């Protein structure tokens, strides 16, 4: 049975940074969509 490889601090930081960027893109896109829809309707 193979042992699980431990992740280095750099890998964890990279994964965290990637997740943070994805979250910012999703939240920013939602705000932008809401703003554009609001501008269109009002």
PDB file of N, CA and C in Angstrom:
ATOM      1  N   UNK A   1       0.842  -1.185   0.000  1.00  0.00           N
ATOM      2  CA  UNK A   1       0.000   0.000   0.000  1.00  0.00           C
ATOM      3  C   UNK A   1       0.886   1.247   0.000  1.00  0.00           C
ATOM      4  N   UNK A   2       0.612   2.157  -0.892  1.00  0.00           N
ATOM      5  CA  UNK A   2       1.439   3.352  -1.013  1.00  0.00           C
ATOM      6  C   UNK A   2       1.087   4.355   0.074  1.00  0.00           C
ATOM      7  N   UNK A   3       2.110   5.030   0.574  1.00  0.00           N
ATOM      8  CA  UNK A   3       1.868   6.043   1.596  1.00  0.00           C
ATOM      9  C   UNK A   3       1.472   7.353   0.919  1.00  0.00           C
ATOM     10  N   UNK A   4       0.621   8.112   1.574  1.00  0.00           N
ATOM     11  CA  UNK A   4       0.178   9.396   1.018  1.00  0.00           C
ATOM     12  C   UNK A   4       1.317  10.401   1.093  1.00  0.00           C
ATOM     13  N   UNK A   5       1.474  11.164   0.027  1.00  0.00           N
ATOM     14  CA  UNK A   5       2.527  12.178  -0.013  1.00  0.00           C
ATOM     15  C   UNK A   5       2.048  13.437   0.712  1.00  0.00           C
ATOM     16  N   UNK A   6       2.887  13.974   1.569  1.00  0.00           N
ATOM     17  CA  UNK A   6       2.509  15.192   2.286  1.00  0.00           C
ATOM     18  C   UNK A   6       2.723  16.395   1.376  1.00  0.00           C
ATOM     19  N   UNK A   7       1.856  17.367   1.504  1.00  0.00           N
ATOM     20  CA  UNK A   7       1.965  18.575   0.682  1.00  0.00           C
ATOM     21  C   UNK A   7       2.846  19.598   1.385  1.00  0.00           C
ATOM     22  N   UNK A   8       3.644  20.278   0.602  1.00  0.00           N
ATOM     23  CA  UNK A   8       4.515  21.302   1.172  1.00  0.00           C
ATOM     24  C   UNK A   8       3.713  22.571   1.424  1.00  0.00           C
ATOM     25  N   UNK A   9       4.287  23.472   2.201  1.00  0.00           N
ATOM     26  CA  UNK A   9       3.623  24.738   2.505  1.00  0.00           C
ATOM     27  C   UNK A   9       3.401  25.540   1.222  1.00  0.00           C
ATOM     28  N   UNK A  10       4.353  25.452   0.298  1.00  0.00           N
ATOM     29  CA  UNK A  10       4.208  26.175  -0.971  1.00  0.00           C
ATOM     30  C   UNK A  10       3.047  25.667  -1.790  1.00  0.00           C
ATOM     31  N   UNK A  11       2.847  24.358  -1.803  1.00  0.00           N
ATOM     32  CA  UNK A  11       1.713  23.792  -2.540  1.00  0.00           C
ATOM     33  C   UNK A  11       0.402  24.226  -1.910  1.00  0.00           C
ATOM     34  N   UNK A  12       0.352  24.197  -0.576  1.00  0.00           N
ATOM     35  CA  UNK A  12      -0.865  24.618   0.112  1.00  0.00           C
ATOM     36  C   UNK A  12      -1.158  26.085  -0.165  1.00  0.00           C
ATOM     37  N   UNK A  13      -0.129  26.926  -0.155  1.00  0.00           N
ATOM     38  CA  UNK A  13      -0.309  28.352  -0.426  1.00  0.00           C
ATOM     39  C   UNK A  13      -0.788  28.559  -1.862  1.00  0.00           C
ATOM     40  N   UNK A  14      -0.248  27.783  -2.785  1.00  0.00           N
ATOM     41  CA  UNK A  14      -0.665  27.900  -4.181  1.00  0.00           C
ATOM     42  C   UNK A  14      -2.112  27.493  -4.381  1.00  0.00           C
ATOM     43  N   UNK A  15      -2.517  26.421  -3.716  1.00  0.00           N
ATOM     44  CA  UNK A  15      -3.904  25.967  -3.816  1.00  0.00           C
ATOM     45  C   UNK A  15      -4.830  27.001  -3.190  1.00  0.00           C
ATOM     46  N   UNK A  16      -4.429  27.551  -2.038  1.00  0.00           N
ATOM     47  CA  UNK A  16      -5.229  28.576  -1.375  1.00  0.00           C
ATOM     48  C   UNK A  16      -5.362  29.815  -2.250  1.00  0.00           C
ATOM     49  N   UNK A  17      -4.261  30.233  -2.883  1.00  0.00           N
ATOM     50  CA  UNK A  17      -4.287  31.404  -3.756  1.00  0.00           C
ATOM     51  C   UNK A  17      -5.192  31.147  -4.957  1.00  0.00           C
ATOM     52  N   UNK A  18      -5.123  29.955  -5.530  1.00  0.00           N
ATOM     53  CA  UNK A  18      -5.973  29.616  -6.669  1.00  0.00           C
ATOM     54  C   UNK A  18      -7.442  29.638  -6.268  1.00  0.00           C
ATOM     55  N   UNK A  19      -7.760  29.059  -5.109  1.00  0.00           N
ATOM     56  CA  UNK A  19      -9.145  29.061  -4.627  1.00  0.00           C
ATOM     57  C   UNK A  19      -9.624  30.481  -4.366  1.00  0.00           C
ATOM     58  N   UNK A  20      -8.752  31.324  -3.831  1.00  0.00           N
ATOM     59  CA  UNK A  20      -9.112  32.714  -3.560  1.00  0.00           C
ATOM     60  C   UNK A  20      -9.390  33.464  -4.861  1.00  0.00           C
ATOM     61  N   UNK A  21      -8.570  33.243  -5.881  1.00  0.00           N
ATOM     62  CA  UNK A  21      -8.779  33.888  -7.180  1.00  0.00           C
ATOM     63  C   UNK A  21     -10.104  33.435  -7.792  1.00  0.00           C
ATOM     64  N   UNK A  22     -10.385  32.133  -7.733  1.00  0.00           N
ATOM     65  CA  UNK A  22     -11.652  31.624  -8.267  1.00  0.00           C
ATOM     66  C   UNK A  22     -12.834  32.252  -7.531  1.00  0.00           C
ATOM     67  N   UNK A  23     -12.738  32.348  -6.204  1.00  0.00           N
ATOM     68  CA  UNK A  23     -13.813  32.945  -5.410  1.00  0.00           C
ATOM     69  C   UNK A  23     -14.013  34.413  -5.774  1.00  0.00           C
ATOM     70  N   UNK A  24     -12.927  35.157  -5.927  1.00  0.00           N
ATOM     71  CA  UNK A  24     -13.020  36.576  -6.284  1.00  0.00           C
ATOM     72  C   UNK A  24     -13.645  36.739  -7.663  1.00  0.00           C
ATOM     73  N   UNK A  25     -13.286  35.877  -8.612  1.00  0.00           N
ATOM     74  CA  UNK A  25     -13.862  35.954  -9.958  1.00  0.00           C
ATOM     75  C   UNK A  25     -15.362  35.677  -9.909  1.00  0.00           C
ATOM     76  N   UNK A  26     -15.775  34.663  -9.156  1.00  0.00           N
ATOM     77  CA  UNK A  26     -17.192  34.324  -9.063  1.00  0.00           C
ATOM     78  C   UNK A  26     -17.970  35.455  -8.396  1.00  0.00           C
ATOM     79  N   UNK A  27     -17.484  35.949  -7.265  1.00  0.00           N
ATOM     80  CA  UNK A  27     -18.178  37.021  -6.540  1.00  0.00           C
ATOM     81  C   UNK A  27     -18.173  38.303  -7.367  1.00  0.00           C
ATOM     82  N   UNK A  28     -17.044  38.620  -7.982  1.00  0.00           N
ATOM     83  CA  UNK A  28     -16.976  39.813  -8.833  1.00  0.00           C
ATOM     84  C   UNK A  28     -17.909  39.712 -10.024  1.00  0.00           C
ATOM     85  N   UNK A  29     -17.979  38.540 -10.618  1.00  0.00           N
ATOM     86  CA  UNK A  29     -18.900  38.332 -11.733  1.00  0.00           C
ATOM     87  C   UNK A  29     -20.347  38.488 -11.304  1.00  0.00           C
ATOM     88  N   UNK A  30     -20.676  37.995 -10.120  1.00  0.00           N
ATOM     89  CA  UNK A  30     -22.045  38.131  -9.612  1.00  0.00           C
ATOM     90  C   UNK A  30     -22.386  39.599  -9.368  1.00  0.00           C
ATOM     91  N   UNK A  31     -21.448  40.348  -8.779  1.00  0.00           N
ATOM     92  CA  UNK A  31     -21.694  41.777  -8.562  1.00  0.00           C
ATOM     93  C   UNK A  31     -21.826  42.519  -9.886  1.00  0.00           C
ATOM     94  N   UNK A  32     -20.970  42.184 -10.849  1.00  0.00           N
ATOM     95  CA  UNK A  32     -21.030  42.842 -12.153  1.00  0.00           C
ATOM     96  C   UNK A  32     -22.350  42.530 -12.852  1.00  0.00           C
ATOM     97  N   UNK A  33     -22.785  41.281 -12.793  1.00  0.00           N
ATOM     98  CA  UNK A  33     -24.050  40.901 -13.412  1.00  0.00           C
ATOM     99  C   UNK A  33     -25.206  41.624 -12.736  1.00  0.00           C
ATOM    100  N   UNK A  34     -25.196  41.679 -11.409  1.00  0.00           N
ATOM    101  CA  UNK A  34     -26.240  42.393 -10.682  1.00  0.00           C
ATOM    102  C   UNK A  34     -26.256  43.860 -11.020  1.00  0.00           C
ATOM    103  N   UNK A  35     -25.082  44.474 -11.147  1.00  0.00           N
ATOM    104  CA  UNK A  35     -24.991  45.890 -11.505  1.00  0.00           C
ATOM    105  C   UNK A  35     -25.552  46.129 -12.897  1.00  0.00           C
ATOM    106  N   UNK A  36     -25.161  45.302 -13.859  1.00  0.00           N
ATOM    107  CA  UNK A  36     -25.637  45.477 -15.238  1.00  0.00           C
ATOM    108  C   UNK A  36     -27.143  45.242 -15.341  1.00  0.00           C
ATOM    109  N   UNK A  37     -27.644  44.238 -14.637  1.00  0.00           N
ATOM    110  CA  UNK A  37     -29.085  43.981 -14.657  1.00  0.00           C
ATOM    111  C   UNK A  37     -29.827  45.137 -13.995  1.00  0.00           C
ATOM    112  N   UNK A  38     -29.299  45.622 -12.899  1.00  0.00           N
ATOM    113  CA  UNK A  38     -29.911  46.765 -12.230  1.00  0.00           C
ATOM    114  C   UNK A  38     -29.918  48.014 -13.102  1.00  0.00           C
ATOM    115  N   UNK A  39     -28.816  48.266 -13.799  1.00  0.00           N
ATOM    116  CA  UNK A  39     -28.750  49.443 -14.696  1.00  0.00           C
ATOM    117  C   UNK A  39     -29.749  49.290 -15.840  1.00  0.00           C
ATOM    118  N   UNK A  40     -29.941  48.060 -16.313  1.00  0.00           N
ATOM    119  CA  UNK A  40     -30.859  47.832 -17.426  1.00  0.00           C
ATOM    120  C   UNK A  40     -32.315  48.035 -16.992  1.00  0.00           C
ATOM    121  N   UNK A  41     -32.646  47.555 -15.800  1.00  0.00           N
ATOM    122  CA  UNK A  41     -34.036  47.612 -15.345  1.00  0.00           C
ATOM    123  C   UNK A  41     -34.418  48.974 -14.783  1.00  0.00           C
ATOM    124  N   UNK A  42     -33.462  49.737 -14.281  1.00  0.00           N
ATOM    125  CA  UNK A  42     -33.809  51.022 -13.668  1.00  0.00           C
ATOM    126  C   UNK A  42     -33.522  52.197 -14.591  1.00  0.00           C
TER     127      UNK A  42
END
